[in-house]
C-alpha atoms as a PDB file:
ATOM      1  CA  MET A   1     -10.116  -7.793 -47.316  1.00  0.00           C
ATOM      2  CA  LYS A   2      -6.536  -6.299 -47.770  1.00  0.00           C
ATOM      3  CA  LYS A   3      -5.487  -7.763 -44.246  1.00  0.00           C
ATOM      4  CA  THR A   4      -6.623 -11.164 -45.107  1.00  0.00           C
ATOM      5  CA  ARG A   5      -4.373 -11.061 -48.327  1.00  0.00           C
ATOM      6  CA  SER A   6      -1.380  -9.771 -46.337  1.00  0.00           C
ATOM      7  CA  ARG A   7      -1.652 -12.534 -43.919  1.00  0.00           C
ATOM      8  CA  LYS A   8      -1.930 -15.027 -46.739  1.00  0.00           C
ATOM      9  CA  PHE A   9       1.288 -13.588 -48.430  1.00  0.00           C
ATOM     10  CA  LEU A  10       3.378 -13.454 -45.504  1.00  0.00           C
ATOM     11  CA  THR A  11       2.390 -16.978 -44.595  1.00  0.00           C
ATOM     12  CA  THR A  12       3.050 -18.203 -48.312  1.00  0.00           C
ATOM     13  CA  LEU A  13       6.561 -16.284 -48.033  1.00  0.00           C
ATOM     14  CA  SER A  14       7.463 -17.852 -44.699  1.00  0.00           C
ATOM     15  CA  LEU A  15       6.421 -21.396 -45.725  1.00  0.00           C
ATOM     16  CA  THR A  16       8.262 -20.944 -49.177  1.00  0.00           C
ATOM     17  CA  ALA A  17      11.510 -19.668 -47.310  1.00  0.00           C
ATOM     18  CA  VAL A  18      11.422 -22.712 -45.067  1.00  0.00           C
ATOM     19  CA  MET A  19      11.071 -24.975 -47.971  1.00  0.00           C
ATOM     20  CA  LEU A  20      14.066 -23.373 -49.697  1.00  0.00           C
ATOM     21  CA  ALA A  21      16.325 -23.601 -46.676  1.00  0.00           C
ATOM     22  CA  VAL A  22      15.532 -27.196 -46.226  1.00  0.00           C
ATOM     23  CA  MET A  23      15.886 -28.109 -49.692  1.00  0.00           C
ATOM     24  CA  THR A  24      19.307 -26.442 -50.145  1.00  0.00           C
ATOM     25  CA  GLY A  25      20.864 -27.118 -47.011  1.00  0.00           C
ATOM     26  CA  SER A  26      21.550 -30.535 -47.416  1.00  0.00           C
ATOM     27  CA  VAL A  27      23.922 -29.721 -50.145  1.00  0.00           C
ATOM     28  CA  ILE A  28      25.759 -26.790 -48.596  1.00  0.00           C
ATOM     29  CA  ALA A  29      29.118 -28.151 -47.148  1.00  0.00           C
ATOM     30  CA  ALA A  30      30.052 -27.288 -43.404  1.00  0.00           C
ATOM     31  CA  THR A  31      32.103 -23.997 -42.696  1.00  0.00           C
ATOM     32  CA  TYR A  32      35.034 -24.227 -40.505  1.00  0.00           C
ATOM     33  CA  GLN A  33      37.050 -21.879 -38.160  1.00  0.00           C
ATOM     34  CA  ILE A  34      40.634 -22.905 -38.688  1.00  0.00           C
ATOM     35  CA  ASN A  35      41.952 -23.381 -35.025  1.00  0.00           C
ATOM     36  CA  THR A  36      40.930 -26.630 -33.953  1.00  0.00           C
ATOM     37  CA  LEU A  37      40.235 -30.243 -35.132  1.00  0.00           C
ATOM     38  CA  HIS A  38      36.847 -30.284 -33.244  1.00  0.00           C
ATOM     39  CA  ASN A  39      35.334 -28.340 -36.262  1.00  0.00           C
ATOM     40  CA  TRP A  40      35.445 -31.319 -38.062  1.00  0.00           C
ATOM     41  CA  GLY A  41      33.901 -33.578 -35.391  1.00  0.00           C
ATOM     42  CA  VAL A  42      37.324 -35.435 -34.915  1.00  0.00           C
ATOM     43  CA  THR A  43      38.114 -35.589 -31.234  1.00  0.00           C
ATOM     44  CA  LEU A  44      41.549 -37.383 -30.596  1.00  0.00           C
ATOM     45  CA  ASP A  45      41.523 -38.877 -27.006  1.00  0.00           C
ATOM     46  CA  ASN A  46      43.899 -41.656 -25.724  1.00  0.00           C
ATOM     47  CA  SER A  47      42.869 -41.064 -22.285  1.00  0.00           C
ATOM     48  CA  SER A  48      41.651 -44.527 -22.081  1.00  0.00           C
ATOM     49  CA  GLY A  49      45.053 -45.821 -23.319  1.00  0.00           C
ATOM     50  CA  ASP A  50      44.150 -45.745 -27.120  1.00  0.00           C
ATOM     51  CA  LEU A  51      42.273 -43.864 -29.739  1.00  0.00           C
ATOM     52  CA  ARG A  52      38.834 -45.123 -30.717  1.00  0.00           C
ATOM     53  CA  ASN A  53      38.365 -45.576 -34.574  1.00  0.00           C
ATOM     54  CA  SER A  54      35.385 -43.356 -34.499  1.00  0.00           C
ATOM     55  CA  ASP A  55      37.590 -40.728 -33.085  1.00  0.00           C
ATOM     56  CA  TRP A  56      39.000 -40.037 -36.770  1.00  0.00           C
ATOM     57  CA  ILE A  57      35.734 -39.848 -38.602  1.00  0.00           C
ATOM     58  CA  PRO A  58      34.589 -36.281 -39.377  1.00  0.00           C
ATOM     59  CA  ASP A  59      30.820 -35.294 -39.185  1.00  0.00           C
ATOM     60  CA  SER A  60      30.393 -33.584 -42.402  1.00  0.00           C
ATOM     61  CA  LEU A  61      28.962 -35.778 -45.147  1.00  0.00           C
ATOM     62  CA  THR A  62      30.585 -34.029 -47.609  1.00  0.00           C
ATOM     63  CA  ALA A  63      34.115 -34.303 -46.486  1.00  0.00           C
ATOM     64  CA  ASP A  64      36.875 -36.613 -47.906  1.00  0.00           C
ATOM     65  CA  TYR A  65      39.399 -38.152 -45.676  1.00  0.00           C
ATOM     66  CA  VAL A  66      42.067 -40.870 -45.628  1.00  0.00           C
ATOM     67  CA  VAL A  67      42.987 -42.210 -42.139  1.00  0.00           C
ATOM     68  CA  GLU A  68      46.617 -43.643 -41.843  1.00  0.00           C
ATOM     69  CA  ASP A  69      47.260 -44.061 -38.139  1.00  0.00           C
ATOM     70  CA  ASN A  70      50.403 -46.112 -37.653  1.00  0.00           C
ATOM     71  CA  MET A  71      50.920 -49.176 -39.685  1.00  0.00           C
ATOM     72  CA  ASP A  72      48.186 -50.723 -41.749  1.00  0.00           C
ATOM     73  CA  ALA A  73      47.373 -54.186 -40.434  1.00  0.00           C
ATOM     74  CA  GLN A  74      46.640 -55.694 -43.691  1.00  0.00           C
ATOM     75  CA  TRP A  75      50.225 -56.026 -44.156  1.00  0.00           C
ATOM     76  CA  SER A  76      50.619 -58.206 -41.108  1.00  0.00           C
ATOM     77  CA  GLY A  77      51.894 -60.976 -43.148  1.00  0.00           C
ATOM     78  CA  ASP A  78      54.709 -58.912 -44.764  1.00  0.00           C
ATOM     79  CA  SER A  79      58.189 -59.502 -43.604  1.00  0.00           C
ATOM     80  CA  GLU A  80      58.759 -55.776 -42.747  1.00  0.00           C
ATOM     81  CA  PHE A  81      55.871 -56.134 -40.224  1.00  0.00           C
ATOM     82  CA  LYS A  82      57.619 -55.197 -36.951  1.00  0.00           C
ATOM     83  CA  PRO A  83      56.655 -54.565 -34.535  1.00  0.00           C
ATOM     84  CA  SER A  84      53.743 -56.476 -34.495  1.00  0.00           C
ATOM     85  CA  ASN A  85      51.777 -54.227 -31.991  1.00  0.00           C
ATOM     86  CA  TYR A  86      51.973 -51.125 -33.826  1.00  0.00           C
ATOM     87  CA  THR A  87      48.836 -51.001 -35.995  1.00  0.00           C
ATOM     88  CA  GLY A  88      45.986 -48.508 -36.049  1.00  0.00           C
ATOM     89  CA  TYR A  89      43.129 -47.584 -37.744  1.00  0.00           C
ATOM     90  CA  HIS A  90      42.896 -47.166 -41.787  1.00  0.00           C
ATOM     91  CA  LYS A  91      40.170 -45.938 -43.603  1.00  0.00           C
ATOM     92  CA  ASN A  92      39.718 -44.177 -46.977  1.00  0.00           C
ATOM     93  CA  SER A  93      36.229 -42.360 -47.366  1.00  0.00           C
ATOM     94  CA  GLN A  94      36.241 -43.195 -51.258  1.00  0.00           C
ATOM     95  CA  ASP A  95      37.122 -46.752 -51.321  1.00  0.00           C
ATOM     96  CA  PRO A  96      36.297 -49.429 -48.643  1.00  0.00           C
ATOM     97  CA  THR A  97      38.887 -51.799 -50.188  1.00  0.00           C
ATOM     98  CA  TRP A  98      41.969 -49.507 -49.862  1.00  0.00           C
ATOM     99  CA  LYS A  99      44.831 -50.334 -47.865  1.00  0.00           C
ATOM    100  CA  GLU A 100      47.876 -48.048 -47.250  1.00  0.00           C
ATOM    101  CA  PRO A 101      50.399 -48.298 -50.025  1.00  0.00           C
ATOM    102  CA  LYS A 102      54.092 -49.430 -49.773  1.00  0.00           C
ATOM    103  CA  ILE A 103      56.569 -46.946 -50.690  1.00  0.00           C
ATOM    104  CA  GLN A 104      59.841 -47.532 -52.780  1.00  0.00           C
ATOM    105  CA  ALA A 105      63.301 -46.457 -51.267  1.00  0.00           C
ATOM    106  CA  LYS A 106      65.337 -44.458 -53.726  1.00  0.00           C
ATOM    107  CA  SER A 107      68.721 -44.261 -51.995  1.00  0.00           C
ATOM    108  CA  GLY A 108      71.011 -46.413 -50.038  1.00  0.00           C
ATOM    109  CA  TYR A 109      71.411 -50.198 -49.173  1.00  0.00           C
ATOM    110  CA  TRP A 110      67.799 -50.516 -49.643  1.00  0.00           C
ATOM    111  CA  SER A 111      67.564 -48.747 -52.910  1.00  0.00           C
ATOM    112  CA  GLY A 112      64.348 -50.274 -55.015  1.00  0.00           C
ATOM    113  CA  HIS A 113      62.934 -52.107 -52.074  1.00  0.00           C
ATOM    114  CA  TRP A 114      59.334 -51.400 -50.871  1.00  0.00           C
ATOM    115  CA  PHE A 115      58.562 -50.713 -47.472  1.00  0.00           C
ATOM    116  CA  ILE A 116      55.532 -50.242 -45.199  1.00  0.00           C
ATOM    117  CA  GLN A 117      54.346 -46.661 -44.180  1.00  0.00           C
ATOM    118  CA  PRO A 118      55.696 -44.962 -41.985  1.00  0.00           C
ATOM    119  CA  SER A 119      59.037 -46.423 -42.497  1.00  0.00           C
ATOM    120  CA  GLY A 120      61.609 -45.889 -39.447  1.00  0.00           C
ATOM    121  CA  TYR A 121      64.899 -46.834 -38.242  1.00  0.00           C
ATOM    122  CA  TYR A 122      65.350 -50.175 -36.595  1.00  0.00           C
ATOM    123  CA  TYR A 123      61.488 -51.244 -37.180  1.00  0.00           C
ATOM    124  CA  THR A 124      60.346 -49.908 -33.881  1.00  0.00           C
ATOM    125  CA  ALA A 125      57.283 -47.966 -33.298  1.00  0.00           C
ATOM    126  CA  GLU A 126      58.834 -45.061 -31.918  1.00  0.00           C
ATOM    127  CA  SER A 127      61.083 -44.350 -34.909  1.00  0.00           C
ATOM    128  CA  ARG A 128      58.063 -44.966 -37.135  1.00  0.00           C
ATOM    129  CA  GLU A 129      55.927 -42.969 -35.294  1.00  0.00           C
ATOM    130  CA  GLU A 130      58.346 -39.957 -35.730  1.00  0.00           C
ATOM    131  CA  ASN A 131      57.827 -40.190 -39.503  1.00  0.00           C
ATOM    132  CA  ASP A 132      53.865 -40.890 -39.190  1.00  0.00           C
ATOM    133  CA  ILE A 133      51.377 -38.643 -41.107  1.00  0.00           C
ATOM    134  CA  GLU A 134      48.265 -39.975 -39.428  1.00  0.00           C
ATOM    135  CA  ALA A 135      45.211 -38.451 -41.232  1.00  0.00           C
ATOM    136  CA  PHE A 136      44.202 -35.921 -44.073  1.00  0.00           C
ATOM    137  CA  TYR A 137      40.719 -34.474 -44.379  1.00  0.00           C
ATOM    138  CA  PHE A 138      39.247 -32.109 -47.174  1.00  0.00           C
ATOM    139  CA  ASP A 139      36.042 -30.367 -47.421  1.00  0.00           C
ATOM    140  CA  SER A 140      34.869 -26.932 -49.046  1.00  0.00           C
ATOM    141  CA  ASP A 141      31.957 -24.826 -49.355  1.00  0.00           C
ATOM    142  CA  SER A 142      30.974 -21.879 -52.154  1.00  0.00           C
ATOM    143  CA  ALA A 143      33.778 -19.719 -50.753  1.00  0.00           C
ATOM    144  CA  ASN A 144      36.663 -21.922 -49.552  1.00  0.00           C
ATOM    145  CA  ALA A 145      38.516 -25.026 -49.244  1.00  0.00           C
ATOM    146  CA  TYR A 146      39.463 -26.678 -45.986  1.00  0.00           C
ATOM    147  CA  PHE A 147      42.174 -29.051 -45.277  1.00  0.00           C
ATOM    148  CA  ALA A 148      43.434 -30.795 -42.332  1.00  0.00           C
ATOM    149  CA  LEU A 149      46.673 -32.981 -41.683  1.00  0.00           C
ATOM    150  CA  VAL A 150      47.324 -34.907 -38.339  1.00  0.00           C
ATOM    151  CA  VAL A 151      51.042 -35.650 -38.069  1.00  0.00           C
ATOM    152  CA  SER A 152      53.702 -36.998 -35.651  1.00  0.00           C
ATOM    153  CA  LYS A 153      56.336 -35.661 -37.622  1.00  0.00           C
ATOM    154  CA  PRO A 154      58.376 -32.554 -36.543  1.00  0.00           C
ATOM    155  CA  ILE A 155      56.308 -29.740 -38.344  1.00  0.00           C
ATOM    156  CA  ASP A 156      59.410 -28.029 -39.728  1.00  0.00           C
ATOM    157  CA  ASP A 157      60.019 -31.390 -41.698  1.00  0.00           C
ATOM    158  CA  MET A 158      56.608 -31.428 -43.293  1.00  0.00           C
ATOM    159  CA  GLY A 159      56.348 -30.672 -47.062  1.00  0.00           C
ATOM    160  CA  ASP A 160      54.052 -28.283 -48.664  1.00  0.00           C
ATOM    161  CA  LEU A 161      50.515 -29.292 -49.583  1.00  0.00           C
ATOM    162  CA  ALA A 162      50.389 -29.953 -53.327  1.00  0.00           C
ATOM    163  CA  LEU A 163      47.300 -29.844 -55.495  1.00  0.00           C
ATOM    164  CA  ASP A 164      46.508 -31.128 -58.928  1.00  0.00           C
ATOM    165  CA  LEU A 165      43.611 -29.500 -60.183  1.00  0.00           C
ATOM    166  CA  ASN A 166      43.161 -30.548 -63.599  1.00  0.00           C
ATOM    167  CA  GLY A 167      43.797 -34.325 -63.526  1.00  0.00           C
ATOM    168  CA  ASP A 168      46.919 -34.383 -65.494  1.00  0.00           C
ATOM    169  CA  SER A 169      48.980 -36.002 -62.450  1.00  0.00           C
ATOM    170  CA  THR A 170      51.056 -32.922 -62.101  1.00  0.00           C
ATOM    171  CA  TYR A 171      50.923 -30.888 -58.973  1.00  0.00           C
ATOM    172  CA  GLU A 172      50.552 -27.453 -60.449  1.00  0.00           C
ATOM    173  CA  TYR A 173      49.537 -25.576 -57.529  1.00  0.00           C
ATOM    174  CA  GLY A 174      50.963 -25.671 -53.595  1.00  0.00           C
ATOM    175  CA  ILE A 175      50.224 -24.152 -50.337  1.00  0.00           C
ATOM    176  CA  VAL A 176      53.075 -23.436 -48.102  1.00  0.00           C
ATOM    177  CA  LEU A 177      52.859 -24.942 -44.563  1.00  0.00           C
ATOM    178  CA  GLN A 178      56.146 -23.813 -43.311  1.00  0.00           C
ATOM    179  CA  ASP A 179      58.666 -20.934 -43.892  1.00  0.00           C
ATOM    180  CA  HIS A 180      61.476 -21.819 -46.376  1.00  0.00           C
ATOM    181  CA  ASP A 181      63.545 -20.391 -48.923  1.00  0.00           C
ATOM    182  CA  SER A 182      61.752 -17.019 -50.058  1.00  0.00           C
ATOM    183  CA  LEU A 183      58.321 -18.403 -49.187  1.00  0.00           C
ATOM    184  CA  THR A 184      55.859 -17.836 -46.135  1.00  0.00           C
ATOM    185  CA  ARG A 185      53.339 -20.047 -44.463  1.00  0.00           C
ATOM    186  CA  GLY A 186      50.190 -19.623 -45.851  1.00  0.00           C
ATOM    187  CA  ASP A 187      51.655 -18.592 -49.506  1.00  0.00           C
ATOM    188  CA  VAL A 188      49.439 -20.186 -52.423  1.00  0.00           C
ATOM    189  CA  CYS A 189      51.534 -20.743 -55.443  1.00  0.00           C
ATOM    190  CA  SER A 190      51.325 -21.619 -58.929  1.00  0.00           C
ATOM    191  CA  VAL A 191      54.205 -24.040 -58.877  1.00  0.00           C
ATOM    192  CA  THR A 192      56.889 -24.649 -61.906  1.00  0.00           C
ATOM    193  CA  SER A 193      59.064 -27.035 -60.000  1.00  0.00           C
ATOM    194  CA  TRP A 194      59.297 -29.136 -56.502  1.00  0.00           C
ATOM    195  CA  THR A 195      62.042 -30.592 -54.542  1.00  0.00           C
ATOM    196  CA  GLU A 196      61.878 -34.155 -53.864  1.00  0.00           C
ATOM    197  CA  PRO A 197      62.116 -36.530 -50.868  1.00  0.00           C
ATOM    198  CA  THR A 198      65.766 -37.905 -50.065  1.00  0.00           C
ATOM    199  CA  ASP A 199      65.139 -41.343 -49.214  1.00  0.00           C
ATOM    200  CA  PHE A 200      61.814 -42.575 -50.952  1.00  0.00           C
ATOM    201  CA  TYR A 201      59.939 -41.946 -54.085  1.00  0.00           C
ATOM    202  CA  THR A 202      56.853 -40.255 -52.626  1.00  0.00           C
ATOM    203  CA  GLY A 203      57.419 -36.435 -53.731  1.00  0.00           C
ATOM    204  CA  PRO A 204      56.781 -33.862 -54.572  1.00  0.00           C
ATOM    205  CA  TYR A 205      57.878 -32.377 -51.171  1.00  0.00           C
ATOM    206  CA  ARG A 206      58.329 -28.507 -51.155  1.00  0.00           C
ATOM    207  CA  ILE A 207      57.908 -25.876 -53.554  1.00  0.00           C
ATOM    208  CA  ASN A 208      60.954 -24.955 -55.635  1.00  0.00           C
ATOM    209  CA  GLY A 209      59.827 -22.652 -58.027  1.00  0.00           C
ATOM    210  CA  GLY A 210      56.701 -20.411 -58.782  1.00  0.00           C
ATOM    211  CA  THR A 211      54.563 -17.645 -58.386  1.00  0.00           C
ATOM    212  CA  THR A 212      52.511 -16.574 -55.296  1.00  0.00           C
ATOM    213  CA  ILE A 213      49.244 -16.084 -56.278  1.00  0.00           C
ATOM    214  CA  GLY A 214      47.071 -15.678 -52.943  1.00  0.00           C
ATOM    215  CA  THR A 215      47.064 -16.446 -49.459  1.00  0.00           C
ATOM    216  CA  ALA A 216      45.602 -19.236 -47.299  1.00  0.00           C
ATOM    217  CA  THR A 217      45.041 -19.179 -43.539  1.00  0.00           C
ATOM    218  CA  VAL A 218      47.327 -21.945 -41.930  1.00  0.00           C
ATOM    219  CA  SER A 219      46.912 -22.853 -38.174  1.00  0.00           C
ATOM    220  CA  ILE A 220      49.379 -25.498 -36.572  1.00  0.00           C
ATOM    221  CA  VAL A 221      48.480 -26.595 -33.054  1.00  0.00           C
ATOM    222  CA  ASP A 222      49.614 -29.293 -30.739  1.00  0.00           C
ATOM    223  CA  SER A 223      46.562 -31.842 -30.084  1.00  0.00           C
ATOM    224  CA  GLY A 224      47.896 -32.624 -26.659  1.00  0.00           C
ATOM    225  CA  VAL A 225      47.603 -36.519 -27.660  1.00  0.00           C
ATOM    226  CA  SER A 226      50.812 -38.458 -27.424  1.00  0.00           C
ATOM    227  CA  ASP A 227      51.243 -41.804 -29.514  1.00  0.00           C
ATOM    228  CA  TYR A 228      54.289 -43.587 -29.164  1.00  0.00           C
ATOM    229  CA  GLY A 229      56.036 -41.300 -27.605  1.00  0.00           C
ATOM    230  CA  SER A 230      55.364 -38.412 -30.105  1.00  0.00           C
ATOM    231  CA  THR A 231      52.714 -35.760 -29.763  1.00  0.00           C
ATOM    232  CA  ASN A 232      50.328 -35.330 -32.715  1.00  0.00           C
ATOM    233  CA  SER A 233      50.165 -32.096 -34.160  1.00  0.00           C
ATOM    234  CA  VAL A 234      47.252 -30.818 -36.189  1.00  0.00           C
ATOM    235  CA  ILE A 235      47.540 -28.575 -39.398  1.00  0.00           C
ATOM    236  CA  GLU A 236      44.416 -26.787 -40.892  1.00  0.00           C
ATOM    237  CA  ILE A 237      44.304 -24.793 -43.748  1.00  0.00           C
ATOM    238  CA  SER A 238      41.628 -22.556 -45.413  1.00  0.00           C
ATOM    239  CA  VAL A 239      41.823 -21.257 -48.731  1.00  0.00           C
ATOM    240  CA  PRO A 240      39.619 -18.982 -51.060  1.00  0.00           C
ATOM    241  CA  ARG A 241      38.646 -20.908 -54.214  1.00  0.00           C
ATOM    242  CA  SER A 242      39.104 -17.970 -56.184  1.00  0.00           C
ATOM    243  CA  ALA A 243      42.773 -18.249 -55.395  1.00  0.00           C
ATOM    244  CA  LEU A 244      42.806 -21.523 -57.233  1.00  0.00           C
ATOM    245  CA  GLY A 245      40.712 -20.899 -60.141  1.00  0.00           C
ATOM    246  CA  ASP A 246      37.370 -22.777 -58.446  1.00  0.00           C
ATOM    247  CA  PRO A 247      38.134 -26.145 -59.325  1.00  0.00           C
ATOM    248  CA  SER A 248      35.716 -28.863 -59.236  1.00  0.00           C
ATOM    249  CA  PHE A 249      37.850 -31.955 -58.613  1.00  0.00           C
ATOM    250  CA  SER A 250      41.552 -32.315 -57.486  1.00  0.00           C
ATOM    251  CA  ASP A 251      44.234 -34.593 -56.109  1.00  0.00           C
ATOM    252  CA  LEU A 252      45.760 -33.688 -52.753  1.00  0.00           C
ATOM    253  CA  HIS A 253      49.351 -34.732 -51.528  1.00  0.00           C
ATOM    254  CA  ALA A 254      51.735 -34.207 -48.894  1.00  0.00           C
ATOM    255  CA  THR A 255      55.045 -35.854 -47.418  1.00  0.00           C
ATOM    256  CA  THR A 256      58.051 -35.529 -45.619  1.00  0.00           C
ATOM    257  CA  SER A 257      61.716 -34.526 -46.221  1.00  0.00           C
ATOM    258  CA  CYS A 258      63.007 -38.227 -46.450  1.00  0.00           C
ATOM    259  CA  GLY A 259      59.785 -39.568 -47.772  1.00  0.00           C
ATOM    260  CA  ASN A 260      59.206 -42.064 -45.306  1.00  0.00           C
ATOM    261  CA  ASP A 261      55.391 -41.260 -44.950  1.00  0.00           C
ATOM    262  CA  VAL A 262      53.008 -39.799 -47.603  1.00  0.00           C
ATOM    263  CA  VAL A 263      49.418 -39.038 -47.760  1.00  0.00           C
ATOM    264  CA  GLU A 264      46.965 -38.511 -50.763  1.00  0.00           C
ATOM    265  CA  LEU A 265      43.437 -38.057 -51.328  1.00  0.00           C
ATOM    266  CA  GLU A 266      42.331 -38.568 -55.017  1.00  0.00           C
ATOM    267  CA  ASN A 267      39.728 -36.766 -57.178  1.00  0.00           C
ATOM    268  CA  VAL A 268      38.048 -34.941 -54.241  1.00  0.00           C
ATOM    269  CA  GLU A 269      34.934 -33.183 -55.094  1.00  0.00           C
ATOM    270  CA  TRP A 270      34.767 -29.544 -54.252  1.00  0.00           C
ATOM    271  CA  GLU A 271      31.023 -29.067 -53.036  1.00  0.00           C
ATOM    272  CA  VAL A 272      28.893 -26.243 -54.314  1.00  0.00           C
ATOM    273  CA  PRO A 273      24.975 -26.122 -54.323  1.00  0.00           C
ATOM    274  CA  GLU A 274      23.851 -27.534 -57.336  1.00  0.00           C
ATOM    275  CA  PHE A 275      21.748 -25.413 -59.844  1.00  0.00           C
ATOM    276  CA  THR A 276      18.854 -27.854 -60.019  1.00  0.00           C
ATOM    277  CA  THR A 277      18.583 -28.142 -56.180  1.00  0.00           C
ATOM    278  CA  ILE A 278      18.324 -24.547 -56.019  1.00  0.00           C
ATOM    279  CA  ALA A 279      16.144 -23.962 -58.971  1.00  0.00           C
ATOM    280  CA  ILE A 280      13.329 -26.215 -57.921  1.00  0.00           C
ATOM    281  CA  PRO A 281      12.323 -24.263 -54.664  1.00  0.00           C
ATOM    282  CA  VAL A 282      13.192 -20.910 -56.584  1.00  0.00           C
ATOM    283  CA  GLY A 283      10.499 -22.085 -59.117  1.00  0.00           C
ATOM    284  CA  MET A 284       7.791 -23.166 -56.364  1.00  0.00           C
ATOM    285  CA  ILE A 285       8.214 -19.944 -55.032  1.00  0.00           C
ATOM    286  CA  LEU A 286       7.570 -18.057 -58.280  1.00  0.00           C
ATOM    287  CA  GLY A 287       4.728 -20.609 -58.907  1.00  0.00           C
ATOM    288  CA  LEU A 288       2.970 -19.641 -55.637  1.00  0.00           C
ATOM    289  CA  PHE A 289       3.120 -15.972 -56.279  1.00  0.00           C
ATOM    290  CA  TYR A 290       1.617 -16.434 -59.604  1.00  0.00           C
ATOM    291  CA  PHE A 291      -1.321 -18.572 -58.359  1.00  0.00           C
ATOM    292  CA  TYR A 292      -2.292 -15.913 -55.563  1.00  0.00           C
ATOM    293  CA  ARG A 293      -1.929 -13.183 -58.385  1.00  0.00           C
ATOM    294  CA  ARG A 294      -4.185 -14.986 -60.677  1.00  0.00           C
ATOM    295  CA  LYS A 295      -6.766 -15.736 -57.720  1.00  0.00           C
ATOM    296  CA  ARG A 296      -6.707 -12.032 -56.896  1.00  0.00           C
ATOM    297  CA  GLN A 297      -7.367 -10.873 -60.600  1.00  0.00           C
ATOM    298  CA  SER A 298     -10.192 -13.312 -60.867  1.00  0.00           C
ATOM    299  CA  GLY A 299     -11.718 -12.011 -57.647  1.00  0.00           C
ATOM    300  CA  GLY A 300     -11.182 -15.272 -55.441  1.00  0.00           C
ATOM    301  CA  GLU A 301      -9.851 -15.458 -51.869  1.00  0.00           C
END
């Protein structure tokens, strides 16, 4: 009799454990090793002569991303659309109607004029590619947030990653991507002031004042993929959620020293298992235990 009860108990426990895993697994975001873009399911390969659109799309269903590879073909009728063949894949995971916005010059002869991203000298593909931020990815789990940038811009000219965590359009946090001033790559800062790009209104650029409050893991690797004469580099970041006060939503931003290109993700959701998703299977487990206990007490098997 006791062996039968034990077998039933173990069977019930196993089934409910499987049920719990299945029901909660769908809302838990992927966990990333910060050393290769392949962890995102993104494979950049131009061996056939061009990158496929599907190469840019991450595997995770919880990832937010924006792809801005070369110039947006939706600006093809614009007078600044030169060269005509310098187009690529453009997609925003949050908005199917989105197109890459223009940027406004702040100094020089073209002050006040609007330009297509990435802007470059003489309107050549090669000069534009030198300023191209190609893609931006975000995902999270219950412990960490993960970011990835694909850039053609020289790494030492990239700005810090800026984060607005309370929706007030002020980037009050930043993650240092390259050593500068007294800051070290990976410093997580509560920011009081930013420097701005020199040529376009696309800032904030780099942290200019604030307090270091934590440390992120930052990896920068050469992808080995060349596009219009410039090699794409991959910047990946992992940061503990606790270092940023465990936010629910945020706006993310990065640009270059001159501001020739800028990339942003707005109102991204920091994924965590919802209480109800966990509570339902837990409640079922407790209910099954209660059911078998009542059967034993009443003498039934």
